[in-house]
Amino acid sequence: PEDTAVYYCAARATYSSSSAYTTLQQYGYWGQGTQ
């Protein structure tokens, strides 16, 4: 039940193929969300 939320997809343009990101500020593009 605690997983209940609006889930958002995010994208970050990057030249690196081996970097993943964990904070909101690191992403520049967002979807509208799905409940």
Full PDB file with SEQRES, HELIX, SHEET, SSBOND, CRYST1, ORIGX, SCALE, CONECT and MASTER records, all heavy atoms in Angstrom:
SEQRES   1 A   35  PRO GLU ASP THR ALA VAL TYR TYR CYS ALA ALA ARG ALA          
SEQRES   2 A   35  THR TYR SER SER SER SER ALA TYR THR THR LEU GLN GLN          
SEQRES   3 A   35  TYR GLY TYR TRP GLY GLN GLY THR GLN                          
HELIX    1 AA1 LEU A   24  GLN A   26  5                                   3    
SHEET    1 AA1 2 ALA A  10  ALA A  11  0                                        
SHEET    2 AA1 2 TYR A  29  TRP A  30 -1                                        
CRYST1    1.000    1.000    1.000  90.00  90.00  90.00 P 1           1          
ORIGX1      1.000000  0.000000  0.000000        0.00000                         
ORIGX2      0.000000  1.000000  0.000000        0.00000                         
ORIGX3      0.000000  0.000000  1.000000        0.00000                         
SCALE1      1.000000  0.000000  0.000000        0.00000                         
SCALE2      0.000000  1.000000  0.000000        0.00000                         
SCALE3      0.000000  0.000000  1.000000        0.00000                         
ATOM      1  N   PRO A   1       0.813  -1.220   0.000  1.00  0.00           N  
ATOM      2  CA  PRO A   1       0.000   0.000   0.000  1.00  0.00           C  
ATOM      3  C   PRO A   1       0.848   1.272   0.000  1.00  0.00           C  
ATOM      4  O   PRO A   1       0.452   2.279  -0.608  1.00  0.00           O  
ATOM      5  CB  PRO A   1      -0.820  -0.136   1.281  1.00  0.00           C  
ATOM      6  CG  PRO A   1      -0.951  -1.611   1.481  1.00  0.00           C  
ATOM      7  CD  PRO A   1       0.355  -2.182   1.026  1.00  0.00           C  
ATOM      8  N   GLU A   2       2.002   1.227   0.620  1.00  0.00           N  
ATOM      9  CA  GLU A   2       2.868   2.420   0.655  1.00  0.00           C  
ATOM     10  C   GLU A   2       3.531   2.719  -0.683  1.00  0.00           C  
ATOM     11  O   GLU A   2       4.193   3.753  -0.827  1.00  0.00           O  
ATOM     12  CB  GLU A   2       3.936   2.290   1.753  1.00  0.00           C  
ATOM     13  CG  GLU A   2       4.721   1.006   1.722  1.00  0.00           C  
ATOM     14  CD  GLU A   2       4.169  -0.040   2.690  1.00  0.00           C  
ATOM     15  OE1 GLU A   2       2.929  -0.213   2.745  1.00  0.00           O  
ATOM     16  OE2 GLU A   2       4.997  -0.698   3.363  1.00  0.00           O  
ATOM     17  N   ASP A   3       3.358   1.853  -1.667  1.00  0.00           N  
ATOM     18  CA  ASP A   3       3.838   2.139  -3.017  1.00  0.00           C  
ATOM     19  C   ASP A   3       2.840   3.000  -3.798  1.00  0.00           C  
ATOM     20  O   ASP A   3       3.133   3.420  -4.925  1.00  0.00           O  
ATOM     21  CB  ASP A   3       4.080   0.838  -3.791  1.00  0.00           C  
ATOM     22  CG  ASP A   3       5.217   0.016  -3.210  1.00  0.00           C  
ATOM     23  OD1 ASP A   3       6.257   0.601  -2.851  1.00  0.00           O  
ATOM     24  OD2 ASP A   3       5.062  -1.219  -3.144  1.00  0.00           O  
ATOM     25  N   THR A   4       1.666   3.238  -3.202  1.00  0.00           N  
ATOM     26  CA  THR A   4       0.671   4.073  -3.850  1.00  0.00           C  
ATOM     27  C   THR A   4       1.222   5.470  -4.092  1.00  0.00           C  
ATOM     28  O   THR A   4       1.710   6.130  -3.168  1.00  0.00           O  
ATOM     29  CB  THR A   4      -0.601   4.162  -2.996  1.00  0.00           C  
ATOM     30  OG1 THR A   4      -1.203   2.860  -2.928  1.00  0.00           O  
ATOM     31  CG2 THR A   4      -1.596   5.152  -3.582  1.00  0.00           C  
ATOM     32  N   ALA A   5       1.168   5.901  -5.348  1.00  0.00           N  
ATOM     33  CA  ALA A   5       1.757   7.201  -5.722  1.00  0.00           C  
ATOM     34  C   ALA A   5       1.476   7.477  -7.194  1.00  0.00           C  
ATOM     35  O   ALA A   5       1.065   6.569  -7.940  1.00  0.00           O  
ATOM     36  CB  ALA A   5       3.265   7.195  -5.479  1.00  0.00           C  
ATOM     37  N   VAL A   6       1.742   8.702  -7.588  1.00  0.00           N  
ATOM     38  CA  VAL A   6       1.841   9.010  -9.013  1.00  0.00           C  
ATOM     39  C   VAL A   6       3.290   8.744  -9.420  1.00  0.00           C  
ATOM     40  O   VAL A   6       4.216   9.255  -8.782  1.00  0.00           O  
ATOM     41  CB  VAL A   6       1.459  10.468  -9.318  1.00  0.00           C  
ATOM     42  CG1 VAL A   6       1.631  10.762 -10.802  1.00  0.00           C  
ATOM     43  CG2 VAL A   6       0.018  10.743  -8.880  1.00  0.00           C  
ATOM     44  N   TYR A   7       3.467   7.942 -10.439  1.00  0.00           N  
ATOM     45  CA  TYR A   7       4.806   7.559 -10.895  1.00  0.00           C  
ATOM     46  C   TYR A   7       5.169   8.389 -12.122  1.00  0.00           C  
ATOM     47  O   TYR A   7       4.406   8.433 -13.098  1.00  0.00           O  
ATOM     48  CB  TYR A   7       4.853   6.069 -11.208  1.00  0.00           C  
ATOM     49  CG  TYR A   7       4.953   5.247  -9.947  1.00  0.00           C  
ATOM     50  CD1 TYR A   7       3.860   5.105  -9.094  1.00  0.00           C  
ATOM     51  CD2 TYR A   7       6.158   4.623  -9.588  1.00  0.00           C  
ATOM     52  CE1 TYR A   7       3.958   4.379  -7.922  1.00  0.00           C  
ATOM     53  CE2 TYR A   7       6.263   3.895  -8.420  1.00  0.00           C  
ATOM     54  CZ  TYR A   7       5.154   3.776  -7.584  1.00  0.00           C  
ATOM     55  OH  TYR A   7       5.262   3.054  -6.416  1.00  0.00           O  
ATOM     56  N   TYR A   8       6.354   9.003 -12.052  1.00  0.00           N  
ATOM     57  CA  TYR A   8       6.825   9.890 -13.109  1.00  0.00           C  
ATOM     58  C   TYR A   8       8.076   9.319 -13.765  1.00  0.00           C  
ATOM     59  O   TYR A   8       8.997   8.858 -13.082  1.00  0.00           O  
ATOM     60  CB  TYR A   8       7.153  11.265 -12.556  1.00  0.00           C  
ATOM     61  CG  TYR A   8       5.981  12.031 -12.006  1.00  0.00           C  
ATOM     62  CD1 TYR A   8       5.640  11.947 -10.662  1.00  0.00           C  
ATOM     63  CD2 TYR A   8       5.215  12.846 -12.832  1.00  0.00           C  
ATOM     64  CE1 TYR A   8       4.563  12.646 -10.145  1.00  0.00           C  
ATOM     65  CE2 TYR A   8       4.133  13.562 -12.333  1.00  0.00           C  
ATOM     66  CZ  TYR A   8       3.814  13.460 -10.991  1.00  0.00           C  
ATOM     67  OH  TYR A   8       2.753  14.160 -10.496  1.00  0.00           O  
ATOM     68  N   CYS A   9       8.117   9.420 -15.073  1.00  0.00           N  
ATOM     69  CA  CYS A   9       9.305   9.099 -15.841  1.00  0.00           C  
ATOM     70  C   CYS A   9      10.121  10.376 -16.027  1.00  0.00           C  
ATOM     71  O   CYS A   9       9.549  11.462 -16.195  1.00  0.00           O  
ATOM     72  CB  CYS A   9       8.860   8.538 -17.190  1.00  0.00           C  
ATOM     73  SG  CYS A   9      10.167   8.198 -18.360  1.00  0.00           S  
ATOM     74  N   ALA A  10      11.443  10.242 -16.016  1.00  0.00           N  
ATOM     75  CA  ALA A  10      12.311  11.405 -16.184  1.00  0.00           C  
ATOM     76  C   ALA A  10      13.480  11.058 -17.097  1.00  0.00           C  
ATOM     77  O   ALA A  10      13.907   9.899 -17.156  1.00  0.00           O  
ATOM     78  CB  ALA A  10      12.825  11.871 -14.829  1.00  0.00           C  
ATOM     79  N   ALA A  11      13.994  12.066 -17.785  1.00  0.00           N  
ATOM     80  CA  ALA A  11      15.118  11.859 -18.703  1.00  0.00           C  
ATOM     81  C   ALA A  11      16.171  12.939 -18.494  1.00  0.00           C  
ATOM     82  O   ALA A  11      15.859  14.088 -18.179  1.00  0.00           O  
ATOM     83  CB  ALA A  11      14.627  11.881 -20.153  1.00  0.00           C  
ATOM     84  N   ARG A  12      17.418  12.532 -18.674  1.00  0.00           N  
ATOM     85  CA  ARG A  12      18.536  13.470 -18.599  1.00  0.00           C  
ATOM     86  C   ARG A  12      19.421  13.253 -19.814  1.00  0.00           C  
ATOM     87  O   ARG A  12      19.914  12.137 -20.030  1.00  0.00           O  
ATOM     88  CB  ARG A  12      19.353  13.256 -17.336  1.00  0.00           C  
ATOM     89  CG  ARG A  12      20.627  14.121 -17.277  1.00  0.00           C  
ATOM     90  CD  ARG A  12      21.536  13.711 -16.158  1.00  0.00           C  
ATOM     91  NE  ARG A  12      22.848  14.325 -16.260  1.00  0.00           N  
ATOM     92  CZ  ARG A  12      23.242  15.341 -15.494  1.00  0.00           C  
ATOM     93  NH1 ARG A  12      22.427  15.827 -14.569  1.00  0.00           N  
ATOM     94  NH2 ARG A  12      24.447  15.855 -15.628  1.00  0.00           N  
ATOM     95  N   ALA A  13      19.613  14.302 -20.593  1.00  0.00           N  
ATOM     96  CA  ALA A  13      20.527  14.225 -21.719  1.00  0.00           C  
ATOM     97  C   ALA A  13      21.949  14.106 -21.187  1.00  0.00           C  
ATOM     98  O   ALA A  13      22.347  14.854 -20.294  1.00  0.00           O  
ATOM     99  CB  ALA A  13      20.389  15.454 -22.601  1.00  0.00           C  
ATOM    100  N   THR A  14      22.703  13.148 -21.724  1.00  0.00           N  
ATOM    101  CA  THR A  14      24.060  12.946 -21.243  1.00  0.00           C  
ATOM    102  C   THR A  14      24.910  12.297 -22.322  1.00  0.00           C  
ATOM    103  O   THR A  14      24.423  11.466 -23.094  1.00  0.00           O  
ATOM    104  CB  THR A  14      24.072  12.076 -19.975  1.00  0.00           C  
ATOM    105  OG1 THR A  14      25.425  11.824 -19.592  1.00  0.00           O  
ATOM    106  CG2 THR A  14      23.386  10.743 -20.208  1.00  0.00           C  
ATOM    107  N   TYR A  15      26.188  12.660 -22.358  1.00  0.00           N  
ATOM    108  CA  TYR A  15      27.113  12.010 -23.275  1.00  0.00           C  
ATOM    109  C   TYR A  15      27.620  10.691 -22.709  1.00  0.00           C  
ATOM    110  O   TYR A  15      28.141   9.854 -23.440  1.00  0.00           O  
ATOM    111  CB  TYR A  15      28.304  12.924 -23.577  1.00  0.00           C  
ATOM    112  CG  TYR A  15      27.939  14.144 -24.369  1.00  0.00           C  
ATOM    113  CD1 TYR A  15      27.964  15.403 -23.791  1.00  0.00           C  
ATOM    114  CD2 TYR A  15      27.561  14.040 -25.711  1.00  0.00           C  
ATOM    115  CE1 TYR A  15      27.625  16.528 -24.518  1.00  0.00           C  
ATOM    116  CE2 TYR A  15      27.216  15.165 -26.437  1.00  0.00           C  
ATOM    117  CZ  TYR A  15      27.252  16.400 -25.843  1.00  0.00           C  
ATOM    118  OH  TYR A  15      26.915  17.518 -26.573  1.00  0.00           O  
ATOM    119  N   SER A  16      27.477  10.527 -21.415  1.00  0.00           N  
ATOM    120  CA  SER A  16      28.001   9.326 -20.767  1.00  0.00           C  
ATOM    121  C   SER A  16      27.035   8.162 -20.924  1.00  0.00           C  
ATOM    122  O   SER A  16      25.844   8.292 -20.671  1.00  0.00           O  
ATOM    123  CB  SER A  16      28.227   9.594 -19.281  1.00  0.00           C  
ATOM    124  OG  SER A  16      28.543   8.398 -18.608  1.00  0.00           O  
ATOM    125  N   SER A  17      27.566   7.029 -21.329  1.00  0.00           N  
ATOM    126  CA  SER A  17      26.727   5.836 -21.435  1.00  0.00           C  
ATOM    127  C   SER A  17      26.715   5.027 -20.156  1.00  0.00           C  
ATOM    128  O   SER A  17      25.961   4.040 -20.043  1.00  0.00           O  
ATOM    129  CB  SER A  17      27.215   4.950 -22.587  1.00  0.00           C  
ATOM    130  OG  SER A  17      28.529   4.488 -22.319  1.00  0.00           O  
ATOM    131  N   SER A  18      27.528   5.445 -19.186  1.00  0.00           N  
ATOM    132  CA  SER A  18      27.663   4.651 -17.964  1.00  0.00           C  
ATOM    133  C   SER A  18      27.339   5.438 -16.707  1.00  0.00           C  
ATOM    134  O   SER A  18      27.884   5.156 -15.642  1.00  0.00           O  
ATOM    135  CB  SER A  18      29.083   4.095 -17.871  1.00  0.00           C  
ATOM    136  OG  SER A  18      30.025   5.147 -17.863  1.00  0.00           O  
ATOM    137  N   SER A  19      26.472   6.424 -16.827  1.00  0.00           N  
ATOM    138  CA  SER A  19      26.070   7.202 -15.655  1.00  0.00           C  
ATOM    139  C   SER A  19      24.568   7.110 -15.472  1.00  0.00           C  
ATOM    140  O   SER A  19      23.803   7.261 -16.428  1.00  0.00           O  
ATOM    141  CB  SER A  19      26.477   8.669 -15.826  1.00  0.00           C  
ATOM    142  OG  SER A  19      27.882   8.804 -15.906  1.00  0.00           O  
ATOM    143  N   ALA A  20      24.162   6.869 -14.228  1.00  0.00           N  
ATOM    144  CA  ALA A  20      22.747   6.906 -13.865  1.00  0.00           C  
ATOM    145  C   ALA A  20      22.596   7.938 -12.746  1.00  0.00           C  
ATOM    146  O   ALA A  20      23.564   8.253 -12.048  1.00  0.00           O  
ATOM    147  CB  ALA A  20      22.268   5.534 -13.418  1.00  0.00           C  
ATOM    148  N   TYR A  21      21.405   8.437 -12.564  1.00  0.00           N  
ATOM    149  CA  TYR A  21      21.194   9.593 -11.691  1.00  0.00           C  
ATOM    150  C   TYR A  21      20.054   9.323 -10.726  1.00  0.00           C  
ATOM    151  O   TYR A  21      19.112   8.588 -11.043  1.00  0.00           O  
ATOM    152  CB  TYR A  21      20.911  10.829 -12.559  1.00  0.00           C  
ATOM    153  CG  TYR A  21      22.020  11.071 -13.545  1.00  0.00           C  
ATOM    154  CD1 TYR A  21      21.969  10.526 -14.825  1.00  0.00           C  
ATOM    155  CD2 TYR A  21      23.145  11.807 -13.186  1.00  0.00           C  
ATOM    156  CE1 TYR A  21      22.998  10.715 -15.725  1.00  0.00           C  
ATOM    157  CE2 TYR A  21      24.178  11.998 -14.081  1.00  0.00           C  
ATOM    158  CZ  TYR A  21      24.106  11.449 -15.351  1.00  0.00           C  
ATOM    159  OH  TYR A  21      25.128  11.619 -16.231  1.00  0.00           O  
ATOM    160  N   THR A  22      20.143   9.966  -9.547  1.00  0.00           N  
ATOM    161  CA  THR A  22      19.218   9.619  -8.472  1.00  0.00           C  
ATOM    162  C   THR A  22      18.459  10.801  -7.873  1.00  0.00           C  
ATOM    163  O   THR A  22      17.642  10.587  -6.975  1.00  0.00           O  
ATOM    164  CB  THR A  22      19.981   8.926  -7.331  1.00  0.00           C  
ATOM    165  OG1 THR A  22      20.968   9.831  -6.819  1.00  0.00           O  
ATOM    166  CG2 THR A  22      20.665   7.655  -7.814  1.00  0.00           C  
ATOM    167  N   THR A  23      18.714  12.013  -8.314  1.00  0.00           N  
ATOM    168  CA  THR A  23      18.029  13.164  -7.709  1.00  0.00           C  
ATOM    169  C   THR A  23      17.171  13.894  -8.742  1.00  0.00           C  
ATOM    170  O   THR A  23      17.463  13.879  -9.937  1.00  0.00           O  
ATOM    171  CB  THR A  23      19.021  14.158  -7.106  1.00  0.00           C  
ATOM    172  OG1 THR A  23      19.750  14.809  -8.169  1.00  0.00           O  
ATOM    173  CG2 THR A  23      19.989  13.473  -6.170  1.00  0.00           C  
ATOM    174  N   LEU A  24      16.129  14.548  -8.260  1.00  0.00           N  
ATOM    175  CA  LEU A  24      15.217  15.281  -9.140  1.00  0.00           C  
ATOM    176  C   LEU A  24      15.969  16.333  -9.957  1.00  0.00           C  
ATOM    177  O   LEU A  24      15.700  16.515 -11.157  1.00  0.00           O  
ATOM    178  CB  LEU A  24      14.127  15.984  -8.330  1.00  0.00           C  
ATOM    179  CG  LEU A  24      12.922  15.172  -7.872  1.00  0.00           C  
ATOM    180  CD1 LEU A  24      13.270  14.300  -6.682  1.00  0.00           C  
ATOM    181  CD2 LEU A  24      11.761  16.105  -7.507  1.00  0.00           C  
ATOM    182  N   GLN A  25      16.908  16.998  -9.312  1.00  0.00           N  
ATOM    183  CA  GLN A  25      17.597  18.113  -9.955  1.00  0.00           C  
ATOM    184  C   GLN A  25      18.465  17.667 -11.131  1.00  0.00           C  
ATOM    185  O   GLN A  25      18.820  18.470 -11.988  1.00  0.00           O  
ATOM    186  CB  GLN A  25      18.463  18.858  -8.937  1.00  0.00           C  
ATOM    187  CG  GLN A  25      17.684  19.551  -7.844  1.00  0.00           C  
ATOM    188  CD  GLN A  25      17.204  18.617  -6.746  1.00  0.00           C  
ATOM    189  OE1 GLN A  25      17.567  17.434  -6.724  1.00  0.00           O  
ATOM    190  NE2 GLN A  25      16.381  19.122  -5.855  1.00  0.00           N  
ATOM    191  N   GLN A  26      18.799  16.389 -11.170  1.00  0.00           N  
ATOM    192  CA  GLN A  26      19.660  15.889 -12.238  1.00  0.00           C  
ATOM    193  C   GLN A  26      18.894  15.598 -13.536  1.00  0.00           C  
ATOM    194  O   GLN A  26      19.512  15.332 -14.555  1.00  0.00           O  
ATOM    195  CB  GLN A  26      20.385  14.621 -11.774  1.00  0.00           C  
ATOM    196  CG  GLN A  26      21.423  14.895 -10.697  1.00  0.00           C  
ATOM    197  CD  GLN A  26      22.046  13.622 -10.161  1.00  0.00           C  
ATOM    198  OE1 GLN A  26      21.349  12.679  -9.789  1.00  0.00           O  
ATOM    199  NE2 GLN A  26      23.362  13.586 -10.118  1.00  0.00           N  
ATOM    200  N   TYR A  27      17.591  15.637 -13.486  1.00  0.00           N  
ATOM    201  CA  TYR A  27      16.772  15.330 -14.659  1.00  0.00           C  
ATOM    202  C   TYR A  27      16.129  16.598 -15.206  1.00  0.00           C  
ATOM    203  O   TYR A  27      15.635  17.423 -14.449  1.00  0.00           O  
ATOM    204  CB  TYR A  27      15.694  14.313 -14.296  1.00  0.00           C  
ATOM    205  CG  TYR A  27      16.239  12.936 -14.029  1.00  0.00           C  
ATOM    206  CD1 TYR A  27      16.661  12.562 -12.751  1.00  0.00           C  
ATOM    207  CD2 TYR A  27      16.358  11.997 -15.060  1.00  0.00           C  
ATOM    208  CE1 TYR A  27      17.182  11.302 -12.514  1.00  0.00           C  
ATOM    209  CE2 TYR A  27      16.865  10.728 -14.826  1.00  0.00           C  
ATOM    210  CZ  TYR A  27      17.278  10.392 -13.553  1.00  0.00           C  
ATOM    211  OH  TYR A  27      17.791   9.137 -13.316  1.00  0.00           O  
ATOM    212  N   GLY A  28      16.122  16.708 -16.532  1.00  0.00           N  
ATOM    213  CA  GLY A  28      15.593  17.919 -17.141  1.00  0.00           C  
ATOM    214  C   GLY A  28      14.251  17.757 -17.815  1.00  0.00           C  
ATOM    215  O   GLY A  28      13.602  18.749 -18.156  1.00  0.00           O  
ATOM    216  N   TYR A  29      13.839  16.512 -18.003  1.00  0.00           N  
ATOM    217  CA  TYR A  29      12.581  16.259 -18.708  1.00  0.00           C  
ATOM    218  C   TYR A  29      11.730  15.302 -17.886  1.00  0.00           C  
ATOM    219  O   TYR A  29      12.247  14.331 -17.320  1.00  0.00           O  
ATOM    220  CB  TYR A  29      12.854  15.655 -20.090  1.00  0.00           C  
ATOM    221  CG  TYR A  29      13.724  16.533 -20.949  1.00  0.00           C  
ATOM    222  CD1 TYR A  29      15.102  16.326 -21.016  1.00  0.00           C  
ATOM    223  CD2 TYR A  29      13.171  17.577 -21.681  1.00  0.00           C  
ATOM    224  CE1 TYR A  29      15.904  17.138 -21.792  1.00  0.00           C  
ATOM    225  CE2 TYR A  29      13.979  18.401 -22.469  1.00  0.00           C  
ATOM    226  CZ  TYR A  29      15.331  18.171 -22.506  1.00  0.00           C  
ATOM    227  OH  TYR A  29      16.126  18.978 -23.283  1.00  0.00           O  
ATOM    228  N   TRP A  30      10.422  15.588 -17.883  1.00  0.00           N  
ATOM    229  CA  TRP A  30       9.486  14.824 -17.065  1.00  0.00           C  
ATOM    230  C   TRP A  30       8.226  14.489 -17.847  1.00  0.00           C  
ATOM    231  O   TRP A  30       7.769  15.272 -18.689  1.00  0.00           O  
ATOM    232  CB  TRP A  30       9.095  15.625 -15.827  1.00  0.00           C  
ATOM    233  CG  TRP A  30      10.253  15.848 -14.905  1.00  0.00           C  
ATOM    234  CD1 TRP A  30      11.175  16.856 -14.954  1.00  0.00           C  
ATOM    235  CD2 TRP A  30      10.632  15.019 -13.801  1.00  0.00           C  
ATOM    236  NE1 TRP A  30      12.107  16.711 -13.953  1.00  0.00           N  
ATOM    237  CE2 TRP A  30      11.789  15.593 -13.223  1.00  0.00           C  
ATOM    238  CE3 TRP A  30      10.112  13.847 -13.244  1.00  0.00           C  
ATOM    239  CZ2 TRP A  30      12.431  15.025 -12.132  1.00  0.00           C  
ATOM    240  CZ3 TRP A  30      10.740  13.296 -12.156  1.00  0.00           C  
ATOM    241  CH2 TRP A  30      11.893  13.887 -11.603  1.00  0.00           C  
ATOM    242  N   GLY A  31       7.667  13.310 -17.536  1.00  0.00           N  
ATOM    243  CA  GLY A  31       6.359  12.960 -18.062  1.00  0.00           C  
ATOM    244  C   GLY A  31       5.262  13.524 -17.176  1.00  0.00           C  
ATOM    245  O   GLY A  31       5.530  14.186 -16.168  1.00  0.00           O  
ATOM    246  N   GLN A  32       4.027  13.227 -17.549  1.00  0.00           N  
ATOM    247  CA  GLN A  32       2.885  13.778 -16.820  1.00  0.00           C  
ATOM    248  C   GLN A  32       2.491  12.912 -15.628  1.00  0.00           C  
ATOM    249  O   GLN A  32       1.699  13.336 -14.787  1.00  0.00           O  
ATOM    250  CB  GLN A  32       1.689  13.938 -17.760  1.00  0.00           C  
ATOM    251  CG  GLN A  32       0.853  12.678 -17.985  1.00  0.00           C  
ATOM    252  CD  GLN A  32       1.557  11.612 -18.793  1.00  0.00           C  
ATOM    253  OE1 GLN A  32       2.585  11.855 -19.414  1.00  0.00           O  
ATOM    254  NE2 GLN A  32       1.001  10.403 -18.801  1.00  0.00           N  
ATOM    255  N   GLY A  33       3.012  11.697 -15.573  1.00  0.00           N  
ATOM    256  CA  GLY A  33       2.739  10.811 -14.441  1.00  0.00           C  
ATOM    257  C   GLY A  33       1.620   9.830 -14.699  1.00  0.00           C  
ATOM    258  O   GLY A  33       0.720  10.077 -15.511  1.00  0.00           O  
ATOM    259  N   THR A  34       1.678   8.717 -14.005  1.00  0.00           N  
ATOM    260  CA  THR A  34       0.620   7.702 -14.060  1.00  0.00           C  
ATOM    261  C   THR A  34       0.349   7.217 -12.636  1.00  0.00           C  
ATOM    262  O   THR A  34       1.272   6.985 -11.855  1.00  0.00           O  
ATOM    263  CB  THR A  34       1.011   6.543 -14.994  1.00  0.00           C  
ATOM    264  OG1 THR A  34      -0.090   5.640 -15.118  1.00  0.00           O  
ATOM    265  CG2 THR A  34       2.223   5.770 -14.497  1.00  0.00           C  
ATOM    266  N   GLN A  35      -0.923   7.098 -12.305  1.00  0.00           N  
ATOM    267  CA  GLN A  35      -1.322   6.754 -10.931  1.00  0.00           C  
ATOM    268  C   GLN A  35      -1.208   5.249 -10.709  1.00  0.00           C  
ATOM    269  O   GLN A  35      -1.713   4.445 -11.504  1.00  0.00           O  
ATOM    270  CB  GLN A  35      -2.753   7.206 -10.668  1.00  0.00           C  
ATOM    271  CG  GLN A  35      -3.288   6.821  -9.299  1.00  0.00           C  
ATOM    272  CD  GLN A  35      -2.641   7.600  -8.167  1.00  0.00           C  
ATOM    273  OE1 GLN A  35      -2.504   8.824  -8.249  1.00  0.00           O  
ATOM    274  NE2 GLN A  35      -2.247   6.900  -7.107  1.00  0.00           N  
TER     275      GLN A  35                                                      
MASTER        0    0    0    1    2    0    0    6  274    1    0    3          
END                                                                             
